Amino acid sequence: MQVVTVLLASGVGAGFGATDAILRYIHYADWTGKEESKKDLTDYNNKARLPEVFLLIGVVVSMAATVVSARIRARATNDDLADDF
């Protein structure tokens, strides 16, 4: 479960980082006479944020599942020990 969380977190970080770097390049590059291309690229990369948000939600849910799973497992272990006495 923790491996999945790490993979999702890596995807979120890479996605946000790559999108920001590309948008920064688009913003500062010389687009003389190609303003429509600049707008198209900006719009395309702004749409890349939606999957990144879903990955971020996946990270949060995966972390919550890890915590809940650990607590349930610990509670089950304690119940088993209480039954032995």
PDB file of N, CA and C in Angstrom:
ATOM      1  N   MET A   1       0.816  -1.181   0.000  1.00  0.00           N
ATOM      2  CA  MET A   1       0.000   0.000   0.000  1.00  0.00           C
ATOM      3  C   MET A   1       0.871   1.259   0.000  1.00  0.00           C
ATOM      4  N   GLN A   2       1.948   1.233   0.750  1.00  0.00           N
ATOM      5  CA  GLN A   2       2.813   2.404   0.825  1.00  0.00           C
ATOM      6  C   GLN A   2       3.559   2.623  -0.490  1.00  0.00           C
ATOM      7  N   VAL A   3       3.827   1.545  -1.213  1.00  0.00           N
ATOM      8  CA  VAL A   3       4.491   1.661  -2.510  1.00  0.00           C
ATOM      9  C   VAL A   3       3.596   2.422  -3.478  1.00  0.00           C
ATOM     10  N   VAL A   4       2.312   2.115  -3.465  1.00  0.00           N
ATOM     11  CA  VAL A   4       1.363   2.805  -4.335  1.00  0.00           C
ATOM     12  C   VAL A   4       1.314   4.286  -3.987  1.00  0.00           C
ATOM     13  N   THR A   5       1.336   4.598  -2.721  1.00  0.00           N
ATOM     14  CA  THR A   5       1.321   6.002  -2.297  1.00  0.00           C
ATOM     15  C   THR A   5       2.553   6.736  -2.808  1.00  0.00           C
ATOM     16  N   VAL A   6       3.704   6.109  -2.705  1.00  0.00           N
ATOM     17  CA  VAL A   6       4.938   6.733  -3.178  1.00  0.00           C
ATOM     18  C   VAL A   6       4.892   6.923  -4.691  1.00  0.00           C
ATOM     19  N   LEU A   7       4.392   5.940  -5.422  1.00  0.00           N
ATOM     20  CA  LEU A   7       4.299   6.068  -6.877  1.00  0.00           C
ATOM     21  C   LEU A   7       3.332   7.186  -7.276  1.00  0.00           C
ATOM     22  N   LEU A   8       2.201   7.255  -6.606  1.00  0.00           N
ATOM     23  CA  LEU A   8       1.254   8.323  -6.902  1.00  0.00           C
ATOM     24  C   LEU A   8       1.846   9.688  -6.578  1.00  0.00           C
ATOM     25  N   ALA A   9       2.532   9.787  -5.451  1.00  0.00           N
ATOM     26  CA  ALA A   9       3.152  11.061  -5.069  1.00  0.00           C
ATOM     27  C   ALA A   9       4.226  11.468  -6.074  1.00  0.00           C
ATOM     28  N   SER A  10       4.980  10.496  -6.573  1.00  0.00           N
ATOM     29  CA  SER A  10       5.996  10.788  -7.582  1.00  0.00           C
ATOM     30  C   SER A  10       5.347  11.312  -8.862  1.00  0.00           C
ATOM     31  N   GLY A  11       4.234  10.702  -9.237  1.00  0.00           N
ATOM     32  CA  GLY A  11       3.520  11.158 -10.425  1.00  0.00           C
ATOM     33  C   GLY A  11       2.989  12.568 -10.274  1.00  0.00           C
ATOM     34  N   VAL A  12       2.489  12.884  -9.095  1.00  0.00           N
ATOM     35  CA  VAL A  12       1.979  14.238  -8.839  1.00  0.00           C
ATOM     36  C   VAL A  12       3.116  15.249  -8.930  1.00  0.00           C
ATOM     37  N   GLY A  13       4.220  14.938  -8.276  1.00  0.00           N
ATOM     38  CA  GLY A  13       5.358  15.860  -8.295  1.00  0.00           C
ATOM     39  C   GLY A  13       5.921  16.061  -9.688  1.00  0.00           C
ATOM     40  N   ALA A  14       6.071  14.971 -10.423  1.00  0.00           N
ATOM     41  CA  ALA A  14       6.605  15.074 -11.783  1.00  0.00           C
ATOM     42  C   ALA A  14       5.642  15.833 -12.690  1.00  0.00           C
ATOM     43  N   GLY A  15       4.355  15.559 -12.531  1.00  0.00           N
ATOM     44  CA  GLY A  15       3.373  16.226 -13.380  1.00  0.00           C
ATOM     45  C   GLY A  15       3.319  17.719 -13.140  1.00  0.00           C
ATOM     46  N   PHE A  16       3.239  18.116 -11.877  1.00  0.00           N
ATOM     47  CA  PHE A  16       3.198  19.543 -11.563  1.00  0.00           C
ATOM     48  C   PHE A  16       4.499  20.223 -11.976  1.00  0.00           C
ATOM     49  N   GLY A  17       5.619  19.571 -11.739  1.00  0.00           N
ATOM     50  CA  GLY A  17       6.910  20.164 -12.096  1.00  0.00           C
ATOM     51  C   GLY A  17       7.075  20.330 -13.592  1.00  0.00           C
ATOM     52  N   ALA A  18       6.728  19.296 -14.355  1.00  0.00           N
ATOM     53  CA  ALA A  18       6.868  19.368 -15.807  1.00  0.00           C
ATOM     54  C   ALA A  18       5.931  20.412 -16.395  1.00  0.00           C
ATOM     55  N   THR A  19       4.702  20.438 -15.914  1.00  0.00           N
ATOM     56  CA  THR A  19       3.739  21.408 -16.435  1.00  0.00           C
ATOM     57  C   THR A  19       4.189  22.837 -16.142  1.00  0.00           C
ATOM     58  N   ASP A  20       4.689  23.072 -14.938  1.00  0.00           N
ATOM     59  CA  ASP A  20       5.165  24.417 -14.599  1.00  0.00           C
ATOM     60  C   ASP A  20       6.364  24.812 -15.458  1.00  0.00           C
ATOM     61  N   ALA A  21       7.281  23.879 -15.678  1.00  0.00           N
ATOM     62  CA  ALA A  21       8.458  24.183 -16.492  1.00  0.00           C
ATOM     63  C   ALA A  21       8.061  24.491 -17.936  1.00  0.00           C
ATOM     64  N   ILE A  22       7.145  23.723 -18.470  1.00  0.00           N
ATOM     65  CA  ILE A  22       6.715  23.947 -19.853  1.00  0.00           C
ATOM     66  C   ILE A  22       5.979  25.275 -19.973  1.00  0.00           C
ATOM     67  N   LEU A  23       5.103  25.556 -19.017  1.00  0.00           N
ATOM     68  CA  LEU A  23       4.377  26.833 -19.067  1.00  0.00           C
ATOM     69  C   LEU A  23       5.328  28.021 -18.911  1.00  0.00           C
ATOM     70  N   ARG A  24       6.355  27.868 -18.096  1.00  0.00           N
ATOM     71  CA  ARG A  24       7.346  28.941 -17.942  1.00  0.00           C
ATOM     72  C   ARG A  24       8.088  29.171 -19.259  1.00  0.00           C
ATOM     73  N   TYR A  25       8.445  28.069 -19.933  1.00  0.00           N
ATOM     74  CA  TYR A  25       9.129  28.184 -21.225  1.00  0.00           C
ATOM     75  C   TYR A  25       8.205  28.856 -22.250  1.00  0.00           C
ATOM     76  N   ILE A  26       6.947  28.438 -22.279  1.00  0.00           N
ATOM     77  CA  ILE A  26       6.002  29.028 -23.228  1.00  0.00           C
ATOM     78  C   ILE A  26       5.841  30.525 -22.959  1.00  0.00           C
ATOM     79  N   HIS A  27       5.804  30.890 -21.705  1.00  0.00           N
ATOM     80  CA  HIS A  27       5.602  32.291 -21.335  1.00  0.00           C
ATOM     81  C   HIS A  27       6.781  33.171 -21.765  1.00  0.00           C
ATOM     82  N   TYR A  28       8.003  32.687 -21.617  1.00  0.00           N
ATOM     83  CA  TYR A  28       9.181  33.514 -21.868  1.00  0.00           C
ATOM     84  C   TYR A  28       9.763  33.367 -23.267  1.00  0.00           C
ATOM     85  N   ALA A  29       9.298  32.398 -24.043  1.00  0.00           N
ATOM     86  CA  ALA A  29       9.832  32.222 -25.402  1.00  0.00           C
ATOM     87  C   ALA A  29       9.322  33.332 -26.322  1.00  0.00           C
ATOM     88  N   ASP A  30      10.024  33.524 -27.425  1.00  0.00           N
ATOM     89  CA  ASP A  30       9.633  34.545 -28.399  1.00  0.00           C
ATOM     90  C   ASP A  30       8.572  33.967 -29.338  1.00  0.00           C
ATOM     91  N   TRP A  31       7.386  34.486 -29.289  1.00  0.00           N
ATOM     92  CA  TRP A  31       6.260  33.991 -30.092  1.00  0.00           C
ATOM     93  C   TRP A  31       5.793  35.039 -31.095  1.00  0.00           C
ATOM     94  N   THR A  32       6.701  35.835 -31.581  1.00  0.00           N
ATOM     95  CA  THR A  32       6.344  36.887 -32.523  1.00  0.00           C
ATOM     96  C   THR A  32       5.695  36.264 -33.762  1.00  0.00           C
ATOM     97  N   GLY A  33       4.458  36.658 -33.999  1.00  0.00           N
ATOM     98  CA  GLY A  33       3.727  36.150 -35.162  1.00  0.00           C
ATOM     99  C   GLY A  33       3.098  34.787 -34.947  1.00  0.00           C
ATOM    100  N   LYS A  34       3.289  34.205 -33.785  1.00  0.00           N
ATOM    101  CA  LYS A  34       2.760  32.861 -33.508  1.00  0.00           C
ATOM    102  C   LYS A  34       1.941  32.863 -32.217  1.00  0.00           C
ATOM    103  N   GLU A  35       1.216  33.934 -31.980  1.00  0.00           N
ATOM    104  CA  GLU A  35       0.455  34.064 -30.741  1.00  0.00           C
ATOM    105  C   GLU A  35      -0.608  32.974 -30.594  1.00  0.00           C
ATOM    106  N   GLU A  36      -1.177  32.558 -31.737  1.00  0.00           N
ATOM    107  CA  GLU A  36      -2.199  31.506 -31.675  1.00  0.00           C
ATOM    108  C   GLU A  36      -1.589  30.175 -31.220  1.00  0.00           C
ATOM    109  N   SER A  37      -0.386  29.882 -31.669  1.00  0.00           N
ATOM    110  CA  SER A  37       0.304  28.667 -31.224  1.00  0.00           C
ATOM    111  C   SER A  37       0.609  28.730 -29.732  1.00  0.00           C
ATOM    112  N   LYS A  38       1.011  29.909 -29.266  1.00  0.00           N
ATOM    113  CA  LYS A  38       1.287  30.083 -27.840  1.00  0.00           C
ATOM    114  C   LYS A  38       0.022  29.840 -27.019  1.00  0.00           C
ATOM    115  N   LYS A  39      -1.110  30.384 -27.485  1.00  0.00           N
ATOM    116  CA  LYS A  39      -2.374  30.193 -26.781  1.00  0.00           C
ATOM    117  C   LYS A  39      -2.773  28.725 -26.783  1.00  0.00           C
ATOM    118  N   ASP A  40      -2.592  28.046 -27.917  1.00  0.00           N
ATOM    119  CA  ASP A  40      -2.938  26.617 -27.990  1.00  0.00           C
ATOM    120  C   ASP A  40      -2.090  25.787 -27.023  1.00  0.00           C
ATOM    121  N   LEU A  41      -0.785  26.051 -26.987  1.00  0.00           N
ATOM    122  CA  LEU A  41       0.097  25.307 -26.083  1.00  0.00           C
ATOM    123  C   LEU A  41      -0.230  25.595 -24.620  1.00  0.00           C
ATOM    124  N   THR A  42      -0.521  26.839 -24.315  1.00  0.00           N
ATOM    125  CA  THR A  42      -0.884  27.196 -22.945  1.00  0.00           C
ATOM    126  C   THR A  42      -2.170  26.504 -22.524  1.00  0.00           C
ATOM    127  N   ASP A  43      -3.169  26.530 -23.404  1.00  0.00           N
ATOM    128  CA  ASP A  43      -4.435  25.855 -23.097  1.00  0.00           C
ATOM    129  C   ASP A  43      -4.238  24.355 -22.910  1.00  0.00           C
ATOM    130  N   TYR A  44      -3.427  23.756 -23.778  1.00  0.00           N
ATOM    131  CA  TYR A  44      -3.170  22.313 -23.688  1.00  0.00           C
ATOM    132  C   TYR A  44      -2.505  21.955 -22.359  1.00  0.00           C
ATOM    133  N   ASN A  45      -1.501  22.714 -21.980  1.00  0.00           N
ATOM    134  CA  ASN A  45      -0.783  22.409 -20.739  1.00  0.00           C
ATOM    135  C   ASN A  45      -1.596  22.744 -19.502  1.00  0.00           C
ATOM    136  N   ASN A  46      -2.488  23.700 -19.600  1.00  0.00           N
ATOM    137  CA  ASN A  46      -3.378  23.974 -18.468  1.00  0.00           C
ATOM    138  C   ASN A  46      -4.359  22.825 -18.263  1.00  0.00           C
ATOM    139  N   LYS A  47      -4.729  22.143 -19.338  1.00  0.00           N
ATOM    140  CA  LYS A  47      -5.610  20.979 -19.219  1.00  0.00           C
ATOM    141  C   LYS A  47      -4.888  19.795 -18.581  1.00  0.00           C
ATOM    142  N   ALA A  48      -3.571  19.816 -18.568  1.00  0.00           N
ATOM    143  CA  ALA A  48      -2.803  18.741 -17.937  1.00  0.00           C
ATOM    144  C   ALA A  48      -2.939  18.770 -16.428  1.00  0.00           C
ATOM    145  N   ARG A  49      -3.426  19.849 -15.876  1.00  0.00           N
ATOM    146  CA  ARG A  49      -3.598  19.954 -14.425  1.00  0.00           C
ATOM    147  C   ARG A  49      -4.692  19.030 -13.912  1.00  0.00           C
ATOM    148  N   LEU A  50      -5.700  18.752 -14.727  1.00  0.00           N
ATOM    149  CA  LEU A  50      -6.816  17.918 -14.278  1.00  0.00           C
ATOM    150  C   LEU A  50      -6.350  16.508 -13.882  1.00  0.00           C
ATOM    151  N   PRO A  51      -5.591  15.797 -14.719  1.00  0.00           N
ATOM    152  CA  PRO A  51      -5.109  14.479 -14.269  1.00  0.00           C
ATOM    153  C   PRO A  51      -4.196  14.557 -13.048  1.00  0.00           C
ATOM    154  N   GLU A  52      -3.448  15.649 -12.936  1.00  0.00           N
ATOM    155  CA  GLU A  52      -2.576  15.812 -11.773  1.00  0.00           C
ATOM    156  C   GLU A  52      -3.396  15.943 -10.490  1.00  0.00           C
ATOM    157  N   VAL A  53      -4.529  16.605 -10.587  1.00  0.00           N
ATOM    158  CA  VAL A  53      -5.400  16.744  -9.418  1.00  0.00           C
ATOM    159  C   VAL A  53      -5.956  15.378  -9.012  1.00  0.00           C
ATOM    160  N   PHE A  54      -6.320  14.555 -10.005  1.00  0.00           N
ATOM    161  CA  PHE A  54      -6.792  13.212  -9.686  1.00  0.00           C
ATOM    162  C   PHE A  54      -5.691  12.379  -9.027  1.00  0.00           C
ATOM    163  N   LEU A  55      -4.449  12.533  -9.488  1.00  0.00           N
ATOM    164  CA  LEU A  55      -3.331  11.838  -8.838  1.00  0.00           C
ATOM    165  C   LEU A  55      -3.149  12.330  -7.405  1.00  0.00           C
ATOM    166  N   LEU A  56      -3.296  13.622  -7.192  1.00  0.00           N
ATOM    167  CA  LEU A  56      -3.173  14.177  -5.841  1.00  0.00           C
ATOM    168  C   LEU A  56      -4.264  13.622  -4.931  1.00  0.00           C
ATOM    169  N   ILE A  57      -5.479  13.525  -5.434  1.00  0.00           N
ATOM    170  CA  ILE A  57      -6.571  12.923  -4.659  1.00  0.00           C
ATOM    171  C   ILE A  57      -6.246  11.466  -4.358  1.00  0.00           C
ATOM    172  N   GLY A  58      -5.668  10.761  -5.335  1.00  0.00           N
ATOM    173  CA  GLY A  58      -5.271   9.377  -5.119  1.00  0.00           C
ATOM    174  C   GLY A  58      -4.226   9.232  -4.030  1.00  0.00           C
ATOM    175  N   VAL A  59      -3.290  10.183  -3.956  1.00  0.00           N
ATOM    176  CA  VAL A  59      -2.276  10.152  -2.907  1.00  0.00           C
ATOM    177  C   VAL A  59      -2.931  10.298  -1.540  1.00  0.00           C
ATOM    178  N   VAL A  60      -3.836  11.249  -1.423  1.00  0.00           N
ATOM    179  CA  VAL A  60      -4.499  11.496  -0.136  1.00  0.00           C
ATOM    180  C   VAL A  60      -5.318  10.279   0.285  1.00  0.00           C
ATOM    181  N   VAL A  61      -6.076   9.712  -0.642  1.00  0.00           N
ATOM    182  CA  VAL A  61      -6.898   8.541  -0.323  1.00  0.00           C
ATOM    183  C   VAL A  61      -6.020   7.337   0.012  1.00  0.00           C
ATOM    184  N   SER A  62      -4.925   7.163  -0.712  1.00  0.00           N
ATOM    185  CA  SER A  62      -4.019   6.053  -0.436  1.00  0.00           C
ATOM    186  C   SER A  62      -3.369   6.198   0.939  1.00  0.00           C
ATOM    187  N   MET A  63      -3.006   7.419   1.311  1.00  0.00           N
ATOM    188  CA  MET A  63      -2.430   7.637   2.640  1.00  0.00           C
ATOM    189  C   MET A  63      -3.467   7.333   3.725  1.00  0.00           C
ATOM    190  N   ALA A  64      -4.696   7.766   3.502  1.00  0.00           N
ATOM    191  CA  ALA A  64      -5.751   7.484   4.470  1.00  0.00           C
ATOM    192  C   ALA A  64      -5.989   5.979   4.585  1.00  0.00           C
ATOM    193  N   ALA A  65      -5.983   5.276   3.472  1.00  0.00           N
ATOM    194  CA  ALA A  65      -6.180   3.826   3.499  1.00  0.00           C
ATOM    195  C   ALA A  65      -5.041   3.125   4.234  1.00  0.00           C
ATOM    196  N   THR A  66      -3.826   3.628   4.077  1.00  0.00           N
ATOM    197  CA  THR A  66      -2.687   3.052   4.777  1.00  0.00           C
ATOM    198  C   THR A  66      -2.838   3.206   6.285  1.00  0.00           C
ATOM    199  N   VAL A  67      -3.243   4.398   6.719  1.00  0.00           N
ATOM    200  CA  VAL A  67      -3.416   4.649   8.150  1.00  0.00           C
ATOM    201  C   VAL A  67      -4.544   3.791   8.715  1.00  0.00           C
ATOM    202  N   VAL A  68      -5.667   3.745   8.024  1.00  0.00           N
ATOM    203  CA  VAL A  68      -6.808   2.958   8.497  1.00  0.00           C
ATOM    204  C   VAL A  68      -6.450   1.475   8.541  1.00  0.00           C
ATOM    205  N   SER A  69      -5.762   0.998   7.523  1.00  0.00           N
ATOM    206  CA  SER A  69      -5.363  -0.409   7.482  1.00  0.00           C
ATOM    207  C   SER A  69      -4.432  -0.756   8.644  1.00  0.00           C
ATOM    208  N   ALA A  70      -3.489   0.119   8.933  1.00  0.00           N
ATOM    209  CA  ALA A  70      -2.563  -0.132  10.045  1.00  0.00           C
ATOM    210  C   ALA A  70      -3.297  -0.148  11.379  1.00  0.00           C
ATOM    211  N   ARG A  71      -4.254   0.749  11.547  1.00  0.00           N
ATOM    212  CA  ARG A  71      -5.011   0.784  12.802  1.00  0.00           C
ATOM    213  C   ARG A  71      -5.882  -0.458  12.962  1.00  0.00           C
ATOM    214  N   ILE A  72      -6.509  -0.879  11.873  1.00  0.00           N
ATOM    215  CA  ILE A  72      -7.351  -2.081  11.939  1.00  0.00           C
ATOM    216  C   ILE A  72      -6.495  -3.308  12.252  1.00  0.00           C
ATOM    217  N   ARG A  73      -5.333  -3.392  11.614  1.00  0.00           N
ATOM    218  CA  ARG A  73      -4.438  -4.514  11.859  1.00  0.00           C
ATOM    219  C   ARG A  73      -3.955  -4.520  13.298  1.00  0.00           C
ATOM    220  N   ALA A  74      -3.622  -3.346  13.842  1.00  0.00           N
ATOM    221  CA  ALA A  74      -3.160  -3.258  15.230  1.00  0.00           C
ATOM    222  C   ALA A  74      -4.278  -3.625  16.195  1.00  0.00           C
ATOM    223  N   ARG A  75      -5.482  -3.176  15.903  1.00  0.00           N
ATOM    224  CA  ARG A  75      -6.621  -3.497  16.765  1.00  0.00           C
ATOM    225  C   ARG A  75      -6.906  -4.996  16.739  1.00  0.00           C
ATOM    226  N   ALA A  76      -6.811  -5.614  15.564  1.00  0.00           N
ATOM    227  CA  ALA A  76      -7.045  -7.057  15.459  1.00  0.00           C
ATOM    228  C   ALA A  76      -5.982  -7.834  16.231  1.00  0.00           C
ATOM    229  N   THR A  77      -4.740  -7.368  16.181  1.00  0.00           N
ATOM    230  CA  THR A  77      -3.674  -8.023  16.918  1.00  0.00           C
ATOM    231  C   THR A  77      -3.896  -7.906  18.425  1.00  0.00           C
ATOM    232  N   ASN A  78      -4.313  -6.741  18.882  1.00  0.00           N
ATOM    233  CA  ASN A  78      -4.579  -6.540  20.308  1.00  0.00           C
ATOM    234  C   ASN A  78      -5.753  -7.389  20.764  1.00  0.00           C
ATOM    235  N   ASP A  79      -6.776  -7.536  19.929  1.00  0.00           N
ATOM    236  CA  ASP A  79      -7.922  -8.369  20.282  1.00  0.00           C
ATOM    237  C   ASP A  79      -7.511  -9.825  20.399  1.00  0.00           C
ATOM    238  N   ASP A  80      -6.622 -10.277  19.510  1.00  0.00           N
ATOM    239  CA  ASP A  80      -6.149 -11.646  19.569  1.00  0.00           C
ATOM    240  C   ASP A  80      -5.341 -11.893  20.840  1.00  0.00           C
ATOM    241  N   LEU A  81      -4.548 -10.915  21.246  1.00  0.00           N
ATOM    242  CA  LEU A  81      -3.755 -11.058  22.458  1.00  0.00           C
ATOM    243  C   LEU A  81      -4.665 -11.055  23.689  1.00  0.00           C
ATOM    244  N   ALA A  82      -5.718 -10.276  23.690  1.00  0.00           N
ATOM    245  CA  ALA A  82      -6.647 -10.217  24.815  1.00  0.00           C
ATOM    246  C   ALA A  82      -7.410 -11.537  24.965  1.00  0.00           C
ATOM    247  N   ASP A  83      -7.679 -12.226  23.875  1.00  0.00           N
ATOM    248  CA  ASP A  83      -8.385 -13.488  23.915  1.00  0.00           C
ATOM    249  C   ASP A  83      -7.531 -14.601  24.525  1.00  0.00           C
ATOM    250  N   ASP A  84      -6.206 -14.463  24.428  1.00  0.00           N
ATOM    251  CA  ASP A  84      -5.303 -15.491  24.938  1.00  0.00           C
ATOM    252  C   ASP A  84      -5.268 -15.508  26.460  1.00  0.00           C
ATOM    253  N   PHE A  85      -5.593 -14.425  27.102  1.00  0.00           N
ATOM    254  CA  PHE A  85      -5.485 -14.364  28.567  1.00  0.00           C
ATOM    255  C   PHE A  85      -6.783 -14.683  29.181  1.00  0.00           C
TER     256      PHE A  85
END
